[in-house]
Amino acid sequence: MRILTAIALTLTAPLALAGPQCTDTDPSEWQDQEAFQQKLKDEGYKINVFKVTDGNCYEIYGWNQQGQKVEIYYHPVTGEAVKTEIED
């Protein structure tokens, strides 16, 4: 029984760490990455890392307007925040 539990935990662990699935829309319809980053900077965000995730989201690591460290996933077509994590 312990072996089966260990196997099950090993197989499902990567799923728990996965980010959200944002879209299946063709990337040609996504907002321009550089323009999107500039929009966030204009709103007061400081971006340390910007990337496209396996779930087809724009993801940033950086700081929000209040200076809090953030990790935010954005829908690349709508620009809406899909998931936000703020470090205290």
PDB file of N, CA and C in Angstrom:
ATOM      1  N   MET A   1       0.824  -1.203   0.000  1.00  0.00           N
ATOM      2  CA  MET A   1       0.000   0.000   0.000  1.00  0.00           C
ATOM      3  C   MET A   1       0.866   1.265   0.000  1.00  0.00           C
ATOM      4  N   ARG A   2       1.953   1.262   0.787  1.00  0.00           N
ATOM      5  CA  ARG A   2       2.843   2.419   0.829  1.00  0.00           C
ATOM      6  C   ARG A   2       3.474   2.679  -0.535  1.00  0.00           C
ATOM      7  N   ILE A   3       3.793   1.614  -1.229  1.00  0.00           N
ATOM      8  CA  ILE A   3       4.410   1.756  -2.554  1.00  0.00           C
ATOM      9  C   ILE A   3       3.415   2.407  -3.517  1.00  0.00           C
ATOM     10  N   LEU A   4       2.159   1.968  -3.480  1.00  0.00           N
ATOM     11  CA  LEU A   4       1.153   2.552  -4.355  1.00  0.00           C
ATOM     12  C   LEU A   4       0.927   4.032  -4.037  1.00  0.00           C
ATOM     13  N   THR A   5       0.927   4.366  -2.759  1.00  0.00           N
ATOM     14  CA  THR A   5       0.761   5.763  -2.360  1.00  0.00           C
ATOM     15  C   THR A   5       1.942   6.599  -2.853  1.00  0.00           C
ATOM     16  N   ALA A   6       3.141   6.081  -2.704  1.00  0.00           N
ATOM     17  CA  ALA A   6       4.338   6.806  -3.161  1.00  0.00           C
ATOM     18  C   ALA A   6       4.308   7.016  -4.669  1.00  0.00           C
ATOM     19  N   ILE A   7       3.883   5.996  -5.397  1.00  0.00           N
ATOM     20  CA  ILE A   7       3.799   6.113  -6.854  1.00  0.00           C
ATOM     21  C   ILE A   7       2.756   7.156  -7.240  1.00  0.00           C
ATOM     22  N   ALA A   8       1.609   7.117  -6.591  1.00  0.00           N
ATOM     23  CA  ALA A   8       0.541   8.074  -6.896  1.00  0.00           C
ATOM     24  C   ALA A   8       0.993   9.504  -6.613  1.00  0.00           C
ATOM     25  N   LEU A   9       1.674   9.724  -5.507  1.00  0.00           N
ATOM     26  CA  LEU A   9       2.160  11.068  -5.177  1.00  0.00           C
ATOM     27  C   LEU A   9       3.218  11.533  -6.167  1.00  0.00           C
ATOM     28  N   THR A  10       4.062  10.639  -6.596  1.00  0.00           N
ATOM     29  CA  THR A  10       5.105  10.982  -7.556  1.00  0.00           C
ATOM     30  C   THR A  10       4.506  11.380  -8.899  1.00  0.00           C
ATOM     31  N   LEU A  11       3.467  10.679  -9.316  1.00  0.00           N
ATOM     32  CA  LEU A  11       2.853  10.955 -10.606  1.00  0.00           C
ATOM     33  C   LEU A  11       2.006  12.220 -10.605  1.00  0.00           C
ATOM     34  N   THR A  12       1.406  12.566  -9.483  1.00  0.00           N
ATOM     35  CA  THR A  12       0.533  13.733  -9.436  1.00  0.00           C
ATOM     36  C   THR A  12       1.235  14.998  -8.967  1.00  0.00           C
ATOM     37  N   ALA A  13       2.415  14.909  -8.399  1.00  0.00           N
ATOM     38  CA  ALA A  13       3.123  16.084  -7.889  1.00  0.00           C
ATOM     39  C   ALA A  13       3.352  17.145  -8.959  1.00  0.00           C
ATOM     40  N   PRO A  14       3.802  16.786 -10.167  1.00  0.00           N
ATOM     41  CA  PRO A  14       4.005  17.838 -11.181  1.00  0.00           C
ATOM     42  C   PRO A  14       2.723  18.576 -11.546  1.00  0.00           C
ATOM     43  N   LEU A  15       1.584  17.927 -11.448  1.00  0.00           N
ATOM     44  CA  LEU A  15       0.315  18.575 -11.772  1.00  0.00           C
ATOM     45  C   LEU A  15      -0.019  19.666 -10.769  1.00  0.00           C
ATOM     46  N   ALA A  16       0.360  19.464  -9.519  1.00  0.00           N
ATOM     47  CA  ALA A  16       0.071  20.451  -8.489  1.00  0.00           C
ATOM     48  C   ALA A  16       0.881  21.721  -8.690  1.00  0.00           C
ATOM     49  N   LEU A  17       2.034  21.628  -9.322  1.00  0.00           N
ATOM     50  CA  LEU A  17       2.896  22.774  -9.524  1.00  0.00           C
ATOM     51  C   LEU A  17       2.631  23.493 -10.839  1.00  0.00           C
ATOM     52  N   ALA A  18       1.816  22.903 -11.667  1.00  0.00           N
ATOM     53  CA  ALA A  18       1.560  23.484 -12.988  1.00  0.00           C
ATOM     54  C   ALA A  18       0.742  24.762 -12.855  1.00  0.00           C
ATOM     55  N   GLY A  19       1.018  25.713 -13.752  1.00  0.00           N
ATOM     56  CA  GLY A  19       0.258  26.958 -13.778  1.00  0.00           C
ATOM     57  C   GLY A  19      -1.046  26.755 -14.514  1.00  0.00           C
ATOM     58  N   PRO A  20      -1.823  27.807 -14.622  1.00  0.00           N
ATOM     59  CA  PRO A  20      -3.117  27.712 -15.289  1.00  0.00           C
ATOM     60  C   PRO A  20      -2.989  27.519 -16.802  1.00  0.00           C
ATOM     61  N   GLN A  21      -4.041  26.998 -17.386  1.00  0.00           N
ATOM     62  CA  GLN A  21      -4.170  26.899 -18.845  1.00  0.00           C
ATOM     63  C   GLN A  21      -4.964  28.123 -19.272  1.00  0.00           C
ATOM     64  N   CYS A  22      -4.352  29.006 -20.063  1.00  0.00           N
ATOM     65  CA  CYS A  22      -5.013  30.263 -20.411  1.00  0.00           C
ATOM     66  C   CYS A  22      -5.806  30.217 -21.701  1.00  0.00           C
ATOM     67  N   THR A  23      -5.246  29.657 -22.770  1.00  0.00           N
ATOM     68  CA  THR A  23      -5.931  29.740 -24.050  1.00  0.00           C
ATOM     69  C   THR A  23      -5.417  28.712 -25.037  1.00  0.00           C
ATOM     70  N   ASP A  24      -6.267  28.397 -25.992  1.00  0.00           N
ATOM     71  CA  ASP A  24      -5.869  27.585 -27.143  1.00  0.00           C
ATOM     72  C   ASP A  24      -5.875  28.446 -28.403  1.00  0.00           C
ATOM     73  N   THR A  25      -6.098  29.750 -28.227  1.00  0.00           N
ATOM     74  CA  THR A  25      -6.130  30.684 -29.344  1.00  0.00           C
ATOM     75  C   THR A  25      -4.766  30.722 -30.026  1.00  0.00           C
ATOM     76  N   ASP A  26      -4.759  30.818 -31.336  1.00  0.00           N
ATOM     77  CA  ASP A  26      -3.518  30.884 -32.091  1.00  0.00           C
ATOM     78  C   ASP A  26      -2.685  32.078 -31.616  1.00  0.00           C
ATOM     79  N   PRO A  27      -1.386  31.887 -31.407  1.00  0.00           N
ATOM     80  CA  PRO A  27      -0.536  32.985 -30.931  1.00  0.00           C
ATOM     81  C   PRO A  27      -0.555  34.237 -31.809  1.00  0.00           C
ATOM     82  N   SER A  28      -0.945  34.111 -33.062  1.00  0.00           N
ATOM     83  CA  SER A  28      -1.021  35.291 -33.927  1.00  0.00           C
ATOM     84  C   SER A  28      -2.107  36.263 -33.449  1.00  0.00           C
ATOM     85  N   GLU A  29      -3.032  35.793 -32.621  1.00  0.00           N
ATOM     86  CA  GLU A  29      -4.112  36.630 -32.103  1.00  0.00           C
ATOM     87  C   GLU A  29      -3.814  37.182 -30.703  1.00  0.00           C
ATOM     88  N   TRP A  30      -2.663  36.824 -30.149  1.00  0.00           N
ATOM     89  CA  TRP A  30      -2.279  37.297 -28.823  1.00  0.00           C
ATOM     90  C   TRP A  30      -1.814  38.747 -28.891  1.00  0.00           C
ATOM     91  N   GLN A  31      -1.881  39.428 -27.754  1.00  0.00           N
ATOM     92  CA  GLN A  31      -1.319  40.768 -27.663  1.00  0.00           C
ATOM     93  C   GLN A  31       0.193  40.685 -27.865  1.00  0.00           C
ATOM     94  N   ASP A  32       0.754  41.718 -28.475  1.00  0.00           N
ATOM     95  CA  ASP A  32       2.196  41.778 -28.676  1.00  0.00           C
ATOM     96  C   ASP A  32       2.903  41.743 -27.315  1.00  0.00           C
ATOM     97  N   GLN A  33       3.903  40.870 -27.178  1.00  0.00           N
ATOM     98  CA  GLN A  33       4.575  40.693 -25.897  1.00  0.00           C
ATOM     99  C   GLN A  33       5.250  41.971 -25.403  1.00  0.00           C
ATOM    100  N   GLU A  34       5.943  42.662 -26.277  1.00  0.00           N
ATOM    101  CA  GLU A  34       6.638  43.881 -25.860  1.00  0.00           C
ATOM    102  C   GLU A  34       5.650  44.980 -25.476  1.00  0.00           C
ATOM    103  N   ALA A  35       4.588  45.128 -26.238  1.00  0.00           N
ATOM    104  CA  ALA A  35       3.573  46.137 -25.923  1.00  0.00           C
ATOM    105  C   ALA A  35       2.871  45.793 -24.612  1.00  0.00           C
ATOM    106  N   PHE A  36       2.620  44.523 -24.374  1.00  0.00           N
ATOM    107  CA  PHE A  36       1.961  44.100 -23.138  1.00  0.00           C
ATOM    108  C   PHE A  36       2.849  44.409 -21.939  1.00  0.00           C
ATOM    109  N   GLN A  37       4.127  44.096 -22.059  1.00  0.00           N
ATOM    110  CA  GLN A  37       5.060  44.401 -20.964  1.00  0.00           C
ATOM    111  C   GLN A  37       5.122  45.907 -20.706  1.00  0.00           C
ATOM    112  N   GLN A  38       5.149  46.690 -21.769  1.00  0.00           N
ATOM    113  CA  GLN A  38       5.217  48.140 -21.612  1.00  0.00           C
ATOM    114  C   GLN A  38       3.962  48.675 -20.914  1.00  0.00           C
ATOM    115  N   LYS A  39       2.811  48.106 -21.243  1.00  0.00           N
ATOM    116  CA  LYS A  39       1.555  48.505 -20.600  1.00  0.00           C
ATOM    117  C   LYS A  39       1.647  48.258 -19.095  1.00  0.00           C
ATOM    118  N   LEU A  40       2.171  47.093 -18.702  1.00  0.00           N
ATOM    119  CA  LEU A  40       2.315  46.775 -17.278  1.00  0.00           C
ATOM    120  C   LEU A  40       3.291  47.736 -16.606  1.00  0.00           C
ATOM    121  N   LYS A  41       4.393  48.032 -17.276  1.00  0.00           N
ATOM    122  CA  LYS A  41       5.376  48.974 -16.717  1.00  0.00           C
ATOM    123  C   LYS A  41       4.756  50.355 -16.556  1.00  0.00           C
ATOM    124  N   ASP A  42       3.956  50.763 -17.534  1.00  0.00           N
ATOM    125  CA  ASP A  42       3.276  52.060 -17.452  1.00  0.00           C
ATOM    126  C   ASP A  42       2.297  52.100 -16.280  1.00  0.00           C
ATOM    127  N   GLU A  43       1.776  50.933 -15.893  1.00  0.00           N
ATOM    128  CA  GLU A  43       0.861  50.840 -14.749  1.00  0.00           C
ATOM    129  C   GLU A  43       1.616  50.779 -13.419  1.00  0.00           C
ATOM    130  N   GLY A  44       2.956  50.718 -13.473  1.00  0.00           N
ATOM    131  CA  GLY A  44       3.745  50.731 -12.246  1.00  0.00           C
ATOM    132  C   GLY A  44       4.381  49.412 -11.855  1.00  0.00           C
ATOM    133  N   TYR A  45       4.235  48.389 -12.686  1.00  0.00           N
ATOM    134  CA  TYR A  45       4.878  47.111 -12.394  1.00  0.00           C
ATOM    135  C   TYR A  45       6.345  47.164 -12.786  1.00  0.00           C
ATOM    136  N   LYS A  46       7.177  46.467 -12.020  1.00  0.00           N
ATOM    137  CA  LYS A  46       8.581  46.275 -12.373  1.00  0.00           C
ATOM    138  C   LYS A  46       8.720  44.792 -12.703  1.00  0.00           C
ATOM    139  N   ILE A  47       9.111  44.497 -13.927  1.00  0.00           N
ATOM    140  CA  ILE A  47       9.171  43.116 -14.400  1.00  0.00           C
ATOM    141  C   ILE A  47      10.610  42.626 -14.373  1.00  0.00           C
ATOM    142  N   ASN A  48      10.822  41.541 -13.639  1.00  0.00           N
ATOM    143  CA  ASN A  48      12.133  40.905 -13.588  1.00  0.00           C
ATOM    144  C   ASN A  48      12.230  39.813 -14.649  1.00  0.00           C
ATOM    145  N   VAL A  49      11.143  39.016 -14.796  1.00  0.00           N
ATOM    146  CA  VAL A  49      11.086  37.926 -15.781  1.00  0.00           C
ATOM    147  C   VAL A  49       9.725  37.960 -16.455  1.00  0.00           C
ATOM    148  N   PHE A  50       9.724  37.827 -17.766  1.00  0.00           N
ATOM    149  CA  PHE A  50       8.500  37.713 -18.544  1.00  0.00           C
ATOM    150  C   PHE A  50       8.656  36.482 -19.417  1.00  0.00           C
ATOM    151  N   LYS A  51       7.623  35.616 -19.420  1.00  0.00           N
ATOM    152  CA  LYS A  51       7.710  34.418 -20.263  1.00  0.00           C
ATOM    153  C   LYS A  51       6.324  33.943 -20.663  1.00  0.00           C
ATOM    154  N   VAL A  52       6.313  33.065 -21.646  1.00  0.00           N
ATOM    155  CA  VAL A  52       5.095  32.382 -22.064  1.00  0.00           C
ATOM    156  C   VAL A  52       5.147  30.996 -21.443  1.00  0.00           C
ATOM    157  N   THR A  53       4.087  30.625 -20.733  1.00  0.00           N
ATOM    158  CA  THR A  53       4.074  29.346 -20.034  1.00  0.00           C
ATOM    159  C   THR A  53       3.617  28.208 -20.943  1.00  0.00           C
ATOM    160  N   ASP A  54       3.776  26.991 -20.461  1.00  0.00           N
ATOM    161  CA  ASP A  54       3.282  25.817 -21.179  1.00  0.00           C
ATOM    162  C   ASP A  54       1.763  25.845 -21.316  1.00  0.00           C
ATOM    163  N   GLY A  55       1.097  26.585 -20.422  1.00  0.00           N
ATOM    164  CA  GLY A  55      -0.354  26.708 -20.464  1.00  0.00           C
ATOM    165  C   GLY A  55      -0.826  27.875 -21.318  1.00  0.00           C
ATOM    166  N   ASN A  56       0.093  28.423 -22.122  1.00  0.00           N
ATOM    167  CA  ASN A  56      -0.226  29.539 -23.022  1.00  0.00           C
ATOM    168  C   ASN A  56      -0.704  30.783 -22.276  1.00  0.00           C
ATOM    169  N   CYS A  57       0.018  31.127 -21.233  1.00  0.00           N
ATOM    170  CA  CYS A  57      -0.222  32.361 -20.485  1.00  0.00           C
ATOM    171  C   CYS A  57       1.019  33.231 -20.604  1.00  0.00           C
ATOM    172  N   TYR A  58       0.841  34.538 -20.438  1.00  0.00           N
ATOM    173  CA  TYR A  58       1.975  35.408 -20.193  1.00  0.00           C
ATOM    174  C   TYR A  58       2.179  35.389 -18.681  1.00  0.00           C
ATOM    175  N   GLU A  59       3.406  35.190 -18.255  1.00  0.00           N
ATOM    176  CA  GLU A  59       3.697  35.138 -16.824  1.00  0.00           C
ATOM    177  C   GLU A  59       4.790  36.144 -16.502  1.00  0.00           C
ATOM    178  N   ILE A  60       4.588  36.888 -15.426  1.00  0.00           N
ATOM    179  CA  ILE A  60       5.626  37.802 -14.971  1.00  0.00           C
ATOM    180  C   ILE A  60       6.043  37.463 -13.546  1.00  0.00           C
ATOM    181  N   TYR A  61       7.298  37.712 -13.279  1.00  0.00           N
ATOM    182  CA  TYR A  61       7.847  37.724 -11.933  1.00  0.00           C
ATOM    183  C   TYR A  61       8.386  39.130 -11.756  1.00  0.00           C
ATOM    184  N   GLY A  62       8.002  39.782 -10.681  1.00  0.00           N
ATOM    185  CA  GLY A  62       8.469  41.138 -10.450  1.00  0.00           C
ATOM    186  C   GLY A  62       7.811  41.752  -9.244  1.00  0.00           C
ATOM    187  N   TRP A  63       7.511  43.059  -9.340  1.00  0.00           N
ATOM    188  CA  TRP A  63       6.943  43.802  -8.226  1.00  0.00           C
ATOM    189  C   TRP A  63       5.763  44.625  -8.708  1.00  0.00           C
ATOM    190  N   ASN A  64       4.734  44.688  -7.868  1.00  0.00           N
ATOM    191  CA  ASN A  64       3.556  45.484  -8.214  1.00  0.00           C
ATOM    192  C   ASN A  64       3.755  46.941  -7.813  1.00  0.00           C
ATOM    193  N   GLN A  65       2.708  47.731  -7.955  1.00  0.00           N
ATOM    194  CA  GLN A  65       2.774  49.163  -7.672  1.00  0.00           C
ATOM    195  C   GLN A  65       3.086  49.460  -6.207  1.00  0.00           C
ATOM    196  N   GLN A  66       2.749  48.532  -5.319  1.00  0.00           N
ATOM    197  CA  GLN A  66       3.008  48.709  -3.890  1.00  0.00           C
ATOM    198  C   GLN A  66       4.382  48.182  -3.481  1.00  0.00           C
ATOM    199  N   GLY A  67       5.154  47.682  -4.447  1.00  0.00           N
ATOM    200  CA  GLY A  67       6.485  47.161  -4.150  1.00  0.00           C
ATOM    201  C   GLY A  67       6.493  45.732  -3.643  1.00  0.00           C
ATOM    202  N   GLN A  68       5.354  45.046  -3.743  1.00  0.00           N
ATOM    203  CA  GLN A  68       5.274  43.653  -3.308  1.00  0.00           C
ATOM    204  C   GLN A  68       5.760  42.740  -4.428  1.00  0.00           C
ATOM    205  N   LYS A  69       6.485  41.696  -4.056  1.00  0.00           N
ATOM    206  CA  LYS A  69       6.965  40.722  -5.029  1.00  0.00           C
ATOM    207  C   LYS A  69       5.773  39.899  -5.516  1.00  0.00           C
ATOM    208  N   VAL A  70       5.646  39.779  -6.850  1.00  0.00           N
ATOM    209  CA  VAL A  70       4.484  39.095  -7.420  1.00  0.00           C
ATOM    210  C   VAL A  70       4.891  38.090  -8.497  1.00  0.00           C
ATOM    211  N   GLU A  71       4.012  37.127  -8.677  1.00  0.00           N
ATOM    212  CA  GLU A  71       4.036  36.209  -9.819  1.00  0.00           C
ATOM    213  C   GLU A  71       2.614  36.250 -10.363  1.00  0.00           C
ATOM    214  N   ILE A  72       2.462  36.680 -11.616  1.00  0.00           N
ATOM    215  CA  ILE A  72       1.125  36.849 -12.181  1.00  0.00           C
ATOM    216  C   ILE A  72       1.059  36.187 -13.551  1.00  0.00           C
ATOM    217  N   TYR A  73      -0.017  35.426 -13.757  1.00  0.00           N
ATOM    218  CA  TYR A  73      -0.308  34.814 -15.055  1.00  0.00           C
ATOM    219  C   TYR A  73      -1.395  35.641 -15.727  1.00  0.00           C
ATOM    220  N   TYR A  74      -1.186  35.995 -16.983  1.00  0.00           N
ATOM    221  CA  TYR A  74      -2.146  36.790 -17.741  1.00  0.00           C
ATOM    222  C   TYR A  74      -2.629  36.023 -18.966  1.00  0.00           C
ATOM    223  N   HIS A  75      -3.899  36.217 -19.291  1.00  0.00           N
ATOM    224  CA  HIS A  75      -4.443  35.678 -20.532  1.00  0.00           C
ATOM    225  C   HIS A  75      -3.849  36.519 -21.663  1.00  0.00           C
ATOM    226  N   PRO A  76      -3.170  35.906 -22.637  1.00  0.00           N
ATOM    227  CA  PRO A  76      -2.458  36.688 -23.646  1.00  0.00           C
ATOM    228  C   PRO A  76      -3.351  37.392 -24.673  1.00  0.00           C
ATOM    229  N   VAL A  77      -4.613  37.026 -24.744  1.00  0.00           N
ATOM    230  CA  VAL A  77      -5.527  37.686 -25.682  1.00  0.00           C
ATOM    231  C   VAL A  77      -6.245  38.837 -24.984  1.00  0.00           C
ATOM    232  N   THR A  78      -6.817  38.566 -23.814  1.00  0.00           N
ATOM    233  CA  THR A  78      -7.598  39.580 -23.104  1.00  0.00           C
ATOM    234  C   THR A  78      -6.749  40.469 -22.203  1.00  0.00           C
ATOM    235  N   GLY A  79      -5.598  39.967 -21.767  1.00  0.00           N
ATOM    236  CA  GLY A  79      -4.752  40.710 -20.848  1.00  0.00           C
ATOM    237  C   GLY A  79      -5.202  40.631 -19.400  1.00  0.00           C
ATOM    238  N   GLU A  80      -6.246  39.853 -19.136  1.00  0.00           N
ATOM    239  CA  GLU A  80      -6.752  39.716 -17.771  1.00  0.00           C
ATOM    240  C   GLU A  80      -5.829  38.839 -16.933  1.00  0.00           C
ATOM    241  N   ALA A  81      -5.647  39.216 -15.657  1.00  0.00           N
ATOM    242  CA  ALA A  81      -4.883  38.390 -14.725  1.00  0.00           C
ATOM    243  C   ALA A  81      -5.696  37.131 -14.435  1.00  0.00           C
ATOM    244  N   VAL A  82      -5.070  35.977 -14.624  1.00  0.00           N
ATOM    245  CA  VAL A  82      -5.737  34.697 -14.430  1.00  0.00           C
ATOM    246  C   VAL A  82      -5.396  34.144 -13.047  1.00  0.00           C
ATOM    247  N   LYS A  83      -4.157  34.367 -12.605  1.00  0.00           N
ATOM    248  CA  LYS A  83      -3.715  33.897 -11.299  1.00  0.00           C
ATOM    249  C   LYS A  83      -2.659  34.869 -10.789  1.00  0.00           C
ATOM    250  N   THR A  84      -2.788  35.258  -9.527  1.00  0.00           N
ATOM    251  CA  THR A  84      -1.842  36.194  -8.923  1.00  0.00           C
ATOM    252  C   THR A  84      -1.354  35.641  -7.606  1.00  0.00           C
ATOM    253  N   GLU A  85      -0.042  35.666  -7.409  1.00  0.00           N
ATOM    254  CA  GLU A  85       0.551  35.289  -6.142  1.00  0.00           C
ATOM    255  C   GLU A  85       1.384  36.465  -5.665  1.00  0.00           C
ATOM    256  N   ILE A  86       1.130  36.898  -4.425  1.00  0.00           N
ATOM    257  CA  ILE A  86       1.853  38.014  -3.839  1.00  0.00           C
ATOM    258  C   ILE A  86       2.638  37.502  -2.646  1.00  0.00           C
ATOM    259  N   GLU A  87       3.934  37.789  -2.642  1.00  0.00           N
ATOM    260  CA  GLU A  87       4.783  37.374  -1.532  1.00  0.00           C
ATOM    261  C   GLU A  87       4.742  38.453  -0.453  1.00  0.00           C
ATOM    262  N   ASP A  88       4.523  38.022   0.758  1.00  0.00           N
ATOM    263  CA  ASP A  88       4.474  38.980   1.879  1.00  0.00           C
ATOM    264  C   ASP A  88       5.838  39.473   2.273  1.00  0.00           C
TER     265      ASP A  88
END
